[in-house]
Amino acid sequence: MKINVLGSAAGGGFPQWNCNCRNCQGVRDGSIAATPRTQSSIAVSDSGCDWVLCNASPDICHQIAATPSLRRHGALRGTAIGSIILTDSQIDHCTGLLNLREGCPHQVWCTSEVHDDLTSGFPIFTMLSHWNGGLNWHPMQPSVPFSVAVCPALRFTAIPILSNAPPYSPWRGRPLPGHNVALMIENTTTGSKLLYAPGLGEPDDALLALMAQADCLLIDGTLWQDNELATTGVGRNTGRDMGHLALGEERGLMDIISSLPARRKILIHINNTNPILDESSPEHQALTSRGIEVSYDGMSIEL
């Protein structure tokens, strides 16, 4: 299985266009050891020729331009992206569909809850129906494995997780199980497994058992502290308000991930305020000492 990290930051990217926090200003002027990042998205493949896009970042056009394997060479127009899977209906995970309109129709897998959000409060499916057939919806049933035609050796399973619905959704603060899912992606030829969860609240016992089966974890690294937005002066929401379990809290994600047997443990969806973006920070070093990696745009993983 081949995995390309197309974007590794949370919503707004890094640096965020209107932010002058220590991290954003530091990456602009070079005063911290950090690398710019676009908003989170990955692509997976069983062959390296055809790809499944997992979440469509607002930065998808820049990400495709930076990833030659996603372009269809030798064709006047075309793409190596054959299917798209959405783990939620958050703005930073689906707005990129608008930028892909010239390539419609696209085959899109998501849960009924995500589809409802994307045909009502943020009606991308409705809007794109005017472009060459738009988005062909394939319902994704939680805990029911499925495959896609372009990568037949890969088996995907949506796993409901504790997080939150988008701010625009009528289900904000009271999400249904299908509003947020992780993906277990298995190569049926080799048996290798990736668990991809870019948005994650507190893992329950069922999810922890599945995480323990994965060879690679690509997991939510949004915040270091639950009150990070307040302490950096950029907002009031806590991580838990937004549906993210902070890394550095007592019984936080760093402790949880450290206890799991996966060969690789990698963080994605990292907010611009998170001190782990500074590679010389104590927080970054704490992760490294526990064998936890911080993903970056262009990171390539093979299982």
C-alpha atoms as a PDB file:
ATOM      1  CA  MET A   1       0.000   0.000   0.000  1.00  0.00           C
ATOM      2  CA  LYS A   2       1.282   3.425  -0.933  1.00  0.00           C
ATOM      3  CA  ILE A   3       0.200   6.505   1.032  1.00  0.00           C
ATOM      4  CA  ASN A   4       0.947  10.087   0.046  1.00  0.00           C
ATOM      5  CA  VAL A   5       0.358  12.809   2.640  1.00  0.00           C
ATOM      6  CA  LEU A   6      -0.890  15.644   0.437  1.00  0.00           C
ATOM      7  CA  GLY A   7      -1.595  18.060   3.281  1.00  0.00           C
ATOM      8  CA  SER A   8      -0.795  17.750   6.977  1.00  0.00           C
ATOM      9  CA  ALA A   9      -2.203  20.907   8.628  1.00  0.00           C
ATOM     10  CA  ALA A  10      -5.581  21.577  10.198  1.00  0.00           C
ATOM     11  CA  GLY A  11      -8.064  24.103   8.812  1.00  0.00           C
ATOM     12  CA  GLY A  12      -6.394  27.308   7.641  1.00  0.00           C
ATOM     13  CA  GLY A  13      -3.065  25.615   6.913  1.00  0.00           C
ATOM     14  CA  PHE A  14       0.309  26.658   8.276  1.00  0.00           C
ATOM     15  CA  PRO A  15       0.973  29.523   8.375  1.00  0.00           C
ATOM     16  CA  GLN A  16      -2.668  30.551   8.487  1.00  0.00           C
ATOM     17  CA  TRP A  17      -3.212  33.522   6.198  1.00  0.00           C
ATOM     18  CA  ASN A  18      -4.479  35.908   8.900  1.00  0.00           C
ATOM     19  CA  CYS A  19      -2.535  34.633  11.915  1.00  0.00           C
ATOM     20  CA  ASN A  20       0.551  36.106  13.564  1.00  0.00           C
ATOM     21  CA  CYS A  21       0.864  33.651  16.428  1.00  0.00           C
ATOM     22  CA  ARG A  22       4.386  32.602  17.385  1.00  0.00           C
ATOM     23  CA  ASN A  23       4.320  29.646  15.016  1.00  0.00           C
ATOM     24  CA  CYS A  24       2.862  31.427  11.986  1.00  0.00           C
ATOM     25  CA  GLN A  25       5.120  34.449  12.324  1.00  0.00           C
ATOM     26  CA  GLY A  26       8.075  32.195  13.066  1.00  0.00           C
ATOM     27  CA  VAL A  27       7.690  30.074   9.936  1.00  0.00           C
ATOM     28  CA  ARG A  28       7.326  33.222   7.822  1.00  0.00           C
ATOM     29  CA  ASP A  29      10.468  34.904   9.126  1.00  0.00           C
ATOM     30  CA  GLY A  30      12.499  31.746   9.732  1.00  0.00           C
ATOM     31  CA  SER A  31      12.836  32.267  13.469  1.00  0.00           C
ATOM     32  CA  ILE A  32      11.572  28.730  14.248  1.00  0.00           C
ATOM     33  CA  ALA A  33      12.549  25.391  12.711  1.00  0.00           C
ATOM     34  CA  ALA A  34       9.278  24.681  10.925  1.00  0.00           C
ATOM     35  CA  THR A  35       7.922  23.849   7.476  1.00  0.00           C
ATOM     36  CA  PRO A  36       4.769  25.312   5.859  1.00  0.00           C
ATOM     37  CA  ARG A  37       1.886  22.884   5.439  1.00  0.00           C
ATOM     38  CA  THR A  38      -1.381  22.784   3.495  1.00  0.00           C
ATOM     39  CA  GLN A  39      -4.705  21.518   4.841  1.00  0.00           C
ATOM     40  CA  SER A  40      -4.993  17.804   5.522  1.00  0.00           C
ATOM     41  CA  SER A  41      -5.655  15.195   2.867  1.00  0.00           C
ATOM     42  CA  ILE A  42      -4.063  11.899   1.827  1.00  0.00           C
ATOM     43  CA  ALA A  43      -4.096   9.634  -1.222  1.00  0.00           C
ATOM     44  CA  VAL A  44      -3.732   5.845  -1.104  1.00  0.00           C
ATOM     45  CA  SER A  45      -3.021   3.287  -3.817  1.00  0.00           C
ATOM     46  CA  ASP A  46      -2.438  -0.437  -4.256  1.00  0.00           C
ATOM     47  CA  SER A  47      -0.307   0.070  -7.358  1.00  0.00           C
ATOM     48  CA  GLY A  48       1.015   3.627  -7.482  1.00  0.00           C
ATOM     49  CA  CYS A  49      -0.896   4.170 -10.735  1.00  0.00           C
ATOM     50  CA  ASP A  50      -4.491   4.793  -9.623  1.00  0.00           C
ATOM     51  CA  TRP A  51      -5.304   6.563  -6.384  1.00  0.00           C
ATOM     52  CA  VAL A  52      -8.095   7.039  -3.855  1.00  0.00           C
ATOM     53  CA  LEU A  53      -8.285  10.548  -2.400  1.00  0.00           C
ATOM     54  CA  CYS A  54      -9.202  10.568   1.295  1.00  0.00           C
ATOM     55  CA  ASN A  55     -10.683  13.998   2.019  1.00  0.00           C
ATOM     56  CA  ALA A  56     -10.591  16.869  -0.451  1.00  0.00           C
ATOM     57  CA  SER A  57      -8.673  19.775   1.053  1.00  0.00           C
ATOM     58  CA  PRO A  58      -9.304  23.380  -0.046  1.00  0.00           C
ATOM     59  CA  ASP A  59      -5.647  23.217  -1.155  1.00  0.00           C
ATOM     60  CA  ILE A  60      -6.172  20.186  -3.415  1.00  0.00           C
ATOM     61  CA  CYS A  61      -5.093  21.908  -6.651  1.00  0.00           C
ATOM     62  CA  HIS A  62      -1.718  22.872  -5.134  1.00  0.00           C
ATOM     63  CA  GLN A  63      -1.387  19.385  -3.676  1.00  0.00           C
ATOM     64  CA  ILE A  64      -2.001  17.716  -7.042  1.00  0.00           C
ATOM     65  CA  ALA A  65       0.519  20.059  -8.672  1.00  0.00           C
ATOM     66  CA  ALA A  66       3.095  18.967  -6.069  1.00  0.00           C
ATOM     67  CA  THR A  67       2.338  15.235  -6.552  1.00  0.00           C
ATOM     68  CA  PRO A  68       3.127  14.040 -10.097  1.00  0.00           C
ATOM     69  CA  SER A  69       1.709  10.552  -9.445  1.00  0.00           C
ATOM     70  CA  LEU A  70      -1.806  12.051  -9.184  1.00  0.00           C
ATOM     71  CA  ARG A  71      -1.666  13.430 -12.720  1.00  0.00           C
ATOM     72  CA  ARG A  72      -2.724  11.300 -15.707  1.00  0.00           C
ATOM     73  CA  HIS A  73       0.205  11.503 -18.085  1.00  0.00           C
ATOM     74  CA  GLY A  74      -0.314  11.081 -21.821  1.00  0.00           C
ATOM     75  CA  ALA A  75      -3.929  12.308 -21.766  1.00  0.00           C
ATOM     76  CA  LEU A  76      -5.193  15.688 -22.900  1.00  0.00           C
ATOM     77  CA  ARG A  77      -7.206  15.899 -19.693  1.00  0.00           C
ATOM     78  CA  GLY A  78      -7.414  13.388 -16.909  1.00  0.00           C
ATOM     79  CA  THR A  79      -6.463  12.422 -13.385  1.00  0.00           C
ATOM     80  CA  ALA A  80      -5.094   9.400 -11.560  1.00  0.00           C
ATOM     81  CA  ILE A  81      -7.617  10.049  -8.765  1.00  0.00           C
ATOM     82  CA  GLY A  82     -10.307   7.461  -9.413  1.00  0.00           C
ATOM     83  CA  SER A  83     -12.349   7.647  -6.185  1.00  0.00           C
ATOM     84  CA  ILE A  84     -12.840  10.010  -3.251  1.00  0.00           C
ATOM     85  CA  ILE A  85     -13.693   9.088   0.353  1.00  0.00           C
ATOM     86  CA  LEU A  86     -14.812  11.654   2.932  1.00  0.00           C
ATOM     87  CA  THR A  87     -14.355  10.972   6.654  1.00  0.00           C
ATOM     88  CA  ASP A  88     -16.607  13.883   7.662  1.00  0.00           C
ATOM     89  CA  SER A  89     -18.258  17.019   6.266  1.00  0.00           C
ATOM     90  CA  GLN A  90     -15.855  19.552   7.769  1.00  0.00           C
ATOM     91  CA  ILE A  91     -15.056  22.543   5.527  1.00  0.00           C
ATOM     92  CA  ASP A  92     -11.346  21.684   5.404  1.00  0.00           C
ATOM     93  CA  HIS A  93     -12.082  18.118   4.254  1.00  0.00           C
ATOM     94  CA  CYS A  94     -14.617  18.670   1.474  1.00  0.00           C
ATOM     95  CA  THR A  95     -14.273  22.184   0.005  1.00  0.00           C
ATOM     96  CA  GLY A  96     -11.667  20.860  -2.425  1.00  0.00           C
ATOM     97  CA  LEU A  97     -14.471  19.072  -4.267  1.00  0.00           C
ATOM     98  CA  LEU A  98     -15.424  22.458  -5.705  1.00  0.00           C
ATOM     99  CA  ASN A  99     -11.927  22.818  -7.144  1.00  0.00           C
ATOM    100  CA  LEU A 100     -12.232  19.404  -8.809  1.00  0.00           C
ATOM    101  CA  ARG A 101     -15.409  20.300 -10.701  1.00  0.00           C
ATOM    102  CA  GLU A 102     -13.706  20.281 -14.123  1.00  0.00           C
ATOM    103  CA  GLY A 103     -13.072  16.558 -13.648  1.00  0.00           C
ATOM    104  CA  CYS A 104     -16.651  15.573 -12.833  1.00  0.00           C
ATOM    105  CA  PRO A 105     -18.217  13.110 -12.539  1.00  0.00           C
ATOM    106  CA  HIS A 106     -16.389  11.889  -9.427  1.00  0.00           C
ATOM    107  CA  GLN A 107     -17.149   8.756  -7.433  1.00  0.00           C
ATOM    108  CA  VAL A 108     -17.576   9.834  -3.789  1.00  0.00           C
ATOM    109  CA  TRP A 109     -18.007   7.566  -0.768  1.00  0.00           C
ATOM    110  CA  CYS A 110     -19.356   9.018   2.493  1.00  0.00           C
ATOM    111  CA  THR A 111     -21.896   8.211   5.189  1.00  0.00           C
ATOM    112  CA  SER A 112     -25.524   9.286   4.925  1.00  0.00           C
ATOM    113  CA  GLU A 113     -24.957  11.862   7.703  1.00  0.00           C
ATOM    114  CA  VAL A 114     -22.111  13.469   5.772  1.00  0.00           C
ATOM    115  CA  HIS A 115     -24.169  13.363   2.564  1.00  0.00           C
ATOM    116  CA  ASP A 116     -27.075  15.055   4.366  1.00  0.00           C
ATOM    117  CA  ASP A 117     -24.797  17.899   5.491  1.00  0.00           C
ATOM    118  CA  LEU A 118     -23.383  18.229   1.972  1.00  0.00           C
ATOM    119  CA  THR A 119     -26.826  18.473   0.393  1.00  0.00           C
ATOM    120  CA  SER A 120     -28.280  20.941   2.944  1.00  0.00           C
ATOM    121  CA  GLY A 121     -26.144  23.291   5.056  1.00  0.00           C
ATOM    122  CA  PHE A 122     -23.199  23.078   2.656  1.00  0.00           C
ATOM    123  CA  PRO A 123     -24.785  21.678  -0.542  1.00  0.00           C
ATOM    124  CA  ILE A 124     -21.711  20.714  -2.554  1.00  0.00           C
ATOM    125  CA  PHE A 125     -23.448  17.693  -4.081  1.00  0.00           C
ATOM    126  CA  THR A 126     -26.280  19.934  -5.292  1.00  0.00           C
ATOM    127  CA  MET A 127     -23.984  22.667  -6.629  1.00  0.00           C
ATOM    128  CA  LEU A 128     -21.755  20.275  -8.545  1.00  0.00           C
ATOM    129  CA  SER A 129     -24.654  18.474 -10.206  1.00  0.00           C
ATOM    130  CA  HIS A 130     -24.392  21.162 -12.903  1.00  0.00           C
ATOM    131  CA  TRP A 131     -20.862  19.998 -13.897  1.00  0.00           C
ATOM    132  CA  ASN A 132     -20.962  16.911 -16.132  1.00  0.00           C
ATOM    133  CA  GLY A 133     -22.960  14.806 -13.708  1.00  0.00           C
ATOM    134  CA  GLY A 134     -21.328  16.116 -10.559  1.00  0.00           C
ATOM    135  CA  LEU A 135     -20.636  13.745  -7.668  1.00  0.00           C
ATOM    136  CA  ASN A 136     -21.885  10.169  -7.741  1.00  0.00           C
ATOM    137  CA  TRP A 137     -22.632   9.267  -4.126  1.00  0.00           C
ATOM    138  CA  HIS A 138     -21.806   5.795  -2.846  1.00  0.00           C
ATOM    139  CA  PRO A 139     -23.235   5.298   0.671  1.00  0.00           C
ATOM    140  CA  MET A 140     -20.603   4.222   3.173  1.00  0.00           C
ATOM    141  CA  GLN A 141     -21.996   2.057   5.963  1.00  0.00           C
ATOM    142  CA  PRO A 142     -20.097   2.203   9.266  1.00  0.00           C
ATOM    143  CA  SER A 143     -18.280  -1.051  10.057  1.00  0.00           C
ATOM    144  CA  VAL A 144     -19.149  -2.567   6.635  1.00  0.00           C
ATOM    145  CA  PRO A 145     -16.016  -3.140   4.487  1.00  0.00           C
ATOM    146  CA  PHE A 146     -16.063  -1.977   0.863  1.00  0.00           C
ATOM    147  CA  SER A 147     -13.702  -1.674  -2.062  1.00  0.00           C
ATOM    148  CA  VAL A 148     -13.406   0.684  -5.027  1.00  0.00           C
ATOM    149  CA  ALA A 149     -12.821  -0.311  -8.621  1.00  0.00           C
ATOM    150  CA  VAL A 150      -9.588   1.636  -9.160  1.00  0.00           C
ATOM    151  CA  CYS A 151      -7.708   0.009  -6.257  1.00  0.00           C
ATOM    152  CA  PRO A 152      -9.233  -3.473  -5.944  1.00  0.00           C
ATOM    153  CA  ALA A 153      -6.607  -4.777  -3.509  1.00  0.00           C
ATOM    154  CA  LEU A 154      -7.563  -2.197  -0.885  1.00  0.00           C
ATOM    155  CA  ARG A 155     -10.430  -2.789   1.536  1.00  0.00           C
ATOM    156  CA  PHE A 156     -11.877   0.201   3.394  1.00  0.00           C
ATOM    157  CA  THR A 157     -13.918   0.155   6.591  1.00  0.00           C
ATOM    158  CA  ALA A 158     -15.508   3.260   8.109  1.00  0.00           C
ATOM    159  CA  ILE A 159     -15.316   3.287  11.906  1.00  0.00           C
ATOM    160  CA  PRO A 160     -17.541   5.730  13.853  1.00  0.00           C
ATOM    161  CA  ILE A 161     -15.494   7.904  16.191  1.00  0.00           C
ATOM    162  CA  LEU A 162     -16.221  10.468  18.892  1.00  0.00           C
ATOM    163  CA  SER A 163     -15.789  13.959  17.457  1.00  0.00           C
ATOM    164  CA  ASN A 164     -18.201  16.729  16.421  1.00  0.00           C
ATOM    165  CA  ALA A 165     -20.299  17.805  13.458  1.00  0.00           C
ATOM    166  CA  PRO A 166     -19.260  20.955  11.536  1.00  0.00           C
ATOM    167  CA  PRO A 167     -20.253  24.373  12.924  1.00  0.00           C
ATOM    168  CA  TYR A 168     -22.761  24.823  10.060  1.00  0.00           C
ATOM    169  CA  SER A 169     -24.475  21.484  10.732  1.00  0.00           C
ATOM    170  CA  PRO A 170     -27.745  21.290  12.732  1.00  0.00           C
ATOM    171  CA  TRP A 171     -26.069  18.368  14.525  1.00  0.00           C
ATOM    172  CA  ARG A 172     -23.236  20.492  15.951  1.00  0.00           C
ATOM    173  CA  GLY A 173     -22.807  19.511  19.608  1.00  0.00           C
ATOM    174  CA  ARG A 174     -24.912  16.356  19.192  1.00  0.00           C
ATOM    175  CA  PRO A 175     -23.355  14.413  16.314  1.00  0.00           C
ATOM    176  CA  LEU A 176     -24.674  11.106  15.054  1.00  0.00           C
ATOM    177  CA  PRO A 177     -22.312   8.120  14.698  1.00  0.00           C
ATOM    178  CA  GLY A 178     -21.845   8.691  10.949  1.00  0.00           C
ATOM    179  CA  HIS A 179     -20.789  12.326  11.202  1.00  0.00           C
ATOM    180  CA  ASN A 180     -17.171  11.359  11.882  1.00  0.00           C
ATOM    181  CA  VAL A 181     -15.426   8.181  10.912  1.00  0.00           C
ATOM    182  CA  ALA A 182     -11.912   6.832  10.870  1.00  0.00           C
ATOM    183  CA  LEU A 183     -10.854   4.614   7.978  1.00  0.00           C
ATOM    184  CA  MET A 184      -9.236   1.238   8.388  1.00  0.00           C
ATOM    185  CA  ILE A 185      -7.536   0.583   5.063  1.00  0.00           C
ATOM    186  CA  GLU A 186      -6.230  -2.947   4.470  1.00  0.00           C
ATOM    187  CA  ASN A 187      -4.124  -4.257   1.628  1.00  0.00           C
ATOM    188  CA  THR A 188      -5.799  -7.616   1.057  1.00  0.00           C
ATOM    189  CA  THR A 189      -2.728  -8.905  -0.794  1.00  0.00           C
ATOM    190  CA  THR A 190      -0.210  -8.288   1.986  1.00  0.00           C
ATOM    191  CA  GLY A 191      -2.481  -7.896   5.022  1.00  0.00           C
ATOM    192  CA  SER A 192      -0.953  -4.531   5.990  1.00  0.00           C
ATOM    193  CA  LYS A 193      -3.327  -2.062   7.672  1.00  0.00           C
ATOM    194  CA  LEU A 194      -3.477   1.728   7.958  1.00  0.00           C
ATOM    195  CA  LEU A 195      -5.799   3.462  10.407  1.00  0.00           C
ATOM    196  CA  TYR A 196      -6.510   7.026   9.259  1.00  0.00           C
ATOM    197  CA  ALA A 197      -8.282   9.339  11.727  1.00  0.00           C
ATOM    198  CA  PRO A 198      -7.645  13.057  11.045  1.00  0.00           C
ATOM    199  CA  GLY A 199     -10.333  14.108  13.521  1.00  0.00           C
ATOM    200  CA  LEU A 200     -10.553  12.256  16.808  1.00  0.00           C
ATOM    201  CA  GLY A 201     -12.026  12.847  20.214  1.00  0.00           C
ATOM    202  CA  GLU A 202     -11.530  10.319  22.991  1.00  0.00           C
ATOM    203  CA  PRO A 203     -11.045   6.791  21.551  1.00  0.00           C
ATOM    204  CA  ASP A 204     -13.414   4.214  22.991  1.00  0.00           C
ATOM    205  CA  ASP A 205     -12.482   0.595  23.699  1.00  0.00           C
ATOM    206  CA  ALA A 206     -13.717  -0.610  20.305  1.00  0.00           C
ATOM    207  CA  LEU A 207     -11.579   1.921  18.451  1.00  0.00           C
ATOM    208  CA  LEU A 208      -8.540   1.215  20.637  1.00  0.00           C
ATOM    209  CA  ALA A 209      -8.828  -2.469  19.754  1.00  0.00           C
ATOM    210  CA  LEU A 210      -8.813  -1.602  16.047  1.00  0.00           C
ATOM    211  CA  MET A 211      -5.938   0.848  16.483  1.00  0.00           C
ATOM    212  CA  ALA A 212      -3.966  -1.988  18.061  1.00  0.00           C
ATOM    213  CA  GLN A 213      -4.373  -4.007  14.834  1.00  0.00           C
ATOM    214  CA  ALA A 214      -2.904  -1.308  12.567  1.00  0.00           C
ATOM    215  CA  ASP A 215       0.625  -1.422  11.186  1.00  0.00           C
ATOM    216  CA  CYS A 216       0.512   2.367  10.746  1.00  0.00           C
ATOM    217  CA  LEU A 217      -1.512   5.017  12.566  1.00  0.00           C
ATOM    218  CA  LEU A 218      -2.154   8.332  10.822  1.00  0.00           C
ATOM    219  CA  ILE A 219      -3.893  10.136  13.650  1.00  0.00           C
ATOM    220  CA  ASP A 220      -5.284  13.535  14.666  1.00  0.00           C
ATOM    221  CA  GLY A 221      -2.547  15.799  16.042  1.00  0.00           C
ATOM    222  CA  THR A 222      -4.572  19.040  16.060  1.00  0.00           C
ATOM    223  CA  LEU A 223      -3.652  20.472  19.456  1.00  0.00           C
ATOM    224  CA  TRP A 224      -1.060  19.987  22.163  1.00  0.00           C
ATOM    225  CA  GLN A 225      -3.245  21.431  24.935  1.00  0.00           C
ATOM    226  CA  ASP A 226      -7.031  21.396  25.194  1.00  0.00           C
ATOM    227  CA  ASN A 227      -7.107  25.180  25.865  1.00  0.00           C
ATOM    228  CA  GLU A 228      -4.399  25.979  23.312  1.00  0.00           C
ATOM    229  CA  LEU A 229      -6.447  28.483  21.301  1.00  0.00           C
ATOM    230  CA  ALA A 230      -7.131  30.510  24.435  1.00  0.00           C
ATOM    231  CA  THR A 231      -3.558  30.394  25.747  1.00  0.00           C
ATOM    232  CA  THR A 232      -2.179  31.549  22.383  1.00  0.00           C
ATOM    233  CA  GLY A 233      -4.821  34.285  22.213  1.00  0.00           C
ATOM    234  CA  VAL A 234      -6.371  33.235  18.894  1.00  0.00           C
ATOM    235  CA  GLY A 235      -9.723  31.782  19.982  1.00  0.00           C
ATOM    236  CA  ARG A 236     -11.948  30.455  22.722  1.00  0.00           C
ATOM    237  CA  ASN A 237     -12.932  26.941  21.652  1.00  0.00           C
ATOM    238  CA  THR A 238     -11.285  24.052  23.419  1.00  0.00           C
ATOM    239  CA  GLY A 239     -10.085  20.970  21.631  1.00  0.00           C
ATOM    240  CA  ARG A 240     -12.975  18.999  23.072  1.00  0.00           C
ATOM    241  CA  ASP A 241     -15.437  21.642  21.801  1.00  0.00           C
ATOM    242  CA  MET A 242     -14.124  21.011  18.292  1.00  0.00           C
ATOM    243  CA  GLY A 243     -13.984  17.229  18.655  1.00  0.00           C
ATOM    244  CA  HIS A 244     -10.215  16.787  19.137  1.00  0.00           C
ATOM    245  CA  LEU A 245      -8.396  15.115  22.019  1.00  0.00           C
ATOM    246  CA  ALA A 246      -5.214  17.065  22.764  1.00  0.00           C
ATOM    247  CA  LEU A 247      -1.846  15.343  22.614  1.00  0.00           C
ATOM    248  CA  GLY A 248      -0.154  16.579  25.770  1.00  0.00           C
ATOM    249  CA  GLU A 249      -2.966  16.351  28.290  1.00  0.00           C
ATOM    250  CA  GLU A 250      -3.005  13.705  31.002  1.00  0.00           C
ATOM    251  CA  ARG A 251      -4.323  10.577  29.222  1.00  0.00           C
ATOM    252  CA  GLY A 252      -4.061  12.523  25.984  1.00  0.00           C
ATOM    253  CA  LEU A 253      -3.427  11.160  22.532  1.00  0.00           C
ATOM    254  CA  MET A 254       0.352  11.063  22.964  1.00  0.00           C
ATOM    255  CA  ASP A 255       0.007   8.641  25.884  1.00  0.00           C
ATOM    256  CA  ILE A 256      -2.605   6.575  24.060  1.00  0.00           C
ATOM    257  CA  ILE A 257      -0.625   6.294  20.815  1.00  0.00           C
ATOM    258  CA  SER A 258       2.591   5.488  22.685  1.00  0.00           C
ATOM    259  CA  SER A 259       1.004   2.384  24.183  1.00  0.00           C
ATOM    260  CA  LEU A 260       0.004   0.882  20.817  1.00  0.00           C
ATOM    261  CA  PRO A 261       2.098  -1.644  18.859  1.00  0.00           C
ATOM    262  CA  ALA A 262       1.946  -0.033  15.371  1.00  0.00           C
ATOM    263  CA  ARG A 263       5.275   0.056  13.533  1.00  0.00           C
ATOM    264  CA  ARG A 264       4.694   3.693  12.598  1.00  0.00           C
ATOM    265  CA  LYS A 265       2.722   6.286  14.546  1.00  0.00           C
ATOM    266  CA  ILE A 266       2.229   9.523  12.633  1.00  0.00           C
ATOM    267  CA  LEU A 267       0.290  12.702  13.426  1.00  0.00           C
ATOM    268  CA  ILE A 268      -1.738  14.634  10.836  1.00  0.00           C
ATOM    269  CA  HIS A 269      -4.228  17.565  10.871  1.00  0.00           C
ATOM    270  CA  ILE A 270      -1.938  19.758  12.990  1.00  0.00           C
ATOM    271  CA  ASN A 271      -3.209  23.196  13.977  1.00  0.00           C
ATOM    272  CA  ASN A 272      -1.048  26.260  13.342  1.00  0.00           C
ATOM    273  CA  THR A 273      -0.852  26.935  17.104  1.00  0.00           C
ATOM    274  CA  ASN A 274       0.536  23.498  18.004  1.00  0.00           C
ATOM    275  CA  PRO A 275       4.109  23.767  19.364  1.00  0.00           C
ATOM    276  CA  ILE A 276       5.058  20.423  17.764  1.00  0.00           C
ATOM    277  CA  LEU A 277       5.354  22.307  14.447  1.00  0.00           C
ATOM    278  CA  ASP A 278       8.560  23.819  15.820  1.00  0.00           C
ATOM    279  CA  GLU A 279      11.003  20.952  15.380  1.00  0.00           C
ATOM    280  CA  SER A 280      13.273  22.290  18.112  1.00  0.00           C
ATOM    281  CA  SER A 281      10.492  22.530  20.709  1.00  0.00           C
ATOM    282  CA  PRO A 282      10.341  20.325  23.837  1.00  0.00           C
ATOM    283  CA  GLU A 283       6.923  19.114  22.683  1.00  0.00           C
ATOM    284  CA  HIS A 284       8.308  17.901  19.353  1.00  0.00           C
ATOM    285  CA  GLN A 285      11.171  16.196  21.160  1.00  0.00           C
ATOM    286  CA  ALA A 286       8.714  14.515  23.527  1.00  0.00           C
ATOM    287  CA  LEU A 287       6.961  12.941  20.544  1.00  0.00           C
ATOM    288  CA  THR A 288      10.219  11.856  18.934  1.00  0.00           C
ATOM    289  CA  SER A 289      11.387  10.196  22.142  1.00  0.00           C
ATOM    290  CA  ARG A 290       8.252   8.044  22.065  1.00  0.00           C
ATOM    291  CA  GLY A 291       8.616   7.091  18.410  1.00  0.00           C
ATOM    292  CA  ILE A 292       5.799   9.365  17.186  1.00  0.00           C
ATOM    293  CA  GLU A 293       6.308  11.183  13.883  1.00  0.00           C
ATOM    294  CA  VAL A 294       4.833  14.491  12.694  1.00  0.00           C
ATOM    295  CA  SER A 295       3.642  14.274   9.102  1.00  0.00           C
ATOM    296  CA  TYR A 296       4.517  16.878   6.492  1.00  0.00           C
ATOM    297  CA  ASP A 297       3.279  17.660   3.003  1.00  0.00           C
ATOM    298  CA  GLY A 298       4.824  15.250   0.515  1.00  0.00           C
ATOM    299  CA  MET A 299       5.494  12.533   3.086  1.00  0.00           C
ATOM    300  CA  SER A 300       5.425   9.114   1.450  1.00  0.00           C
ATOM    301  CA  ILE A 301       4.564   5.945   3.391  1.00  0.00           C
ATOM    302  CA  GLU A 302       4.671   2.383   2.116  1.00  0.00           C
ATOM    303  CA  LEU A 303       3.181  -0.609   3.922  1.00  0.00           C
END
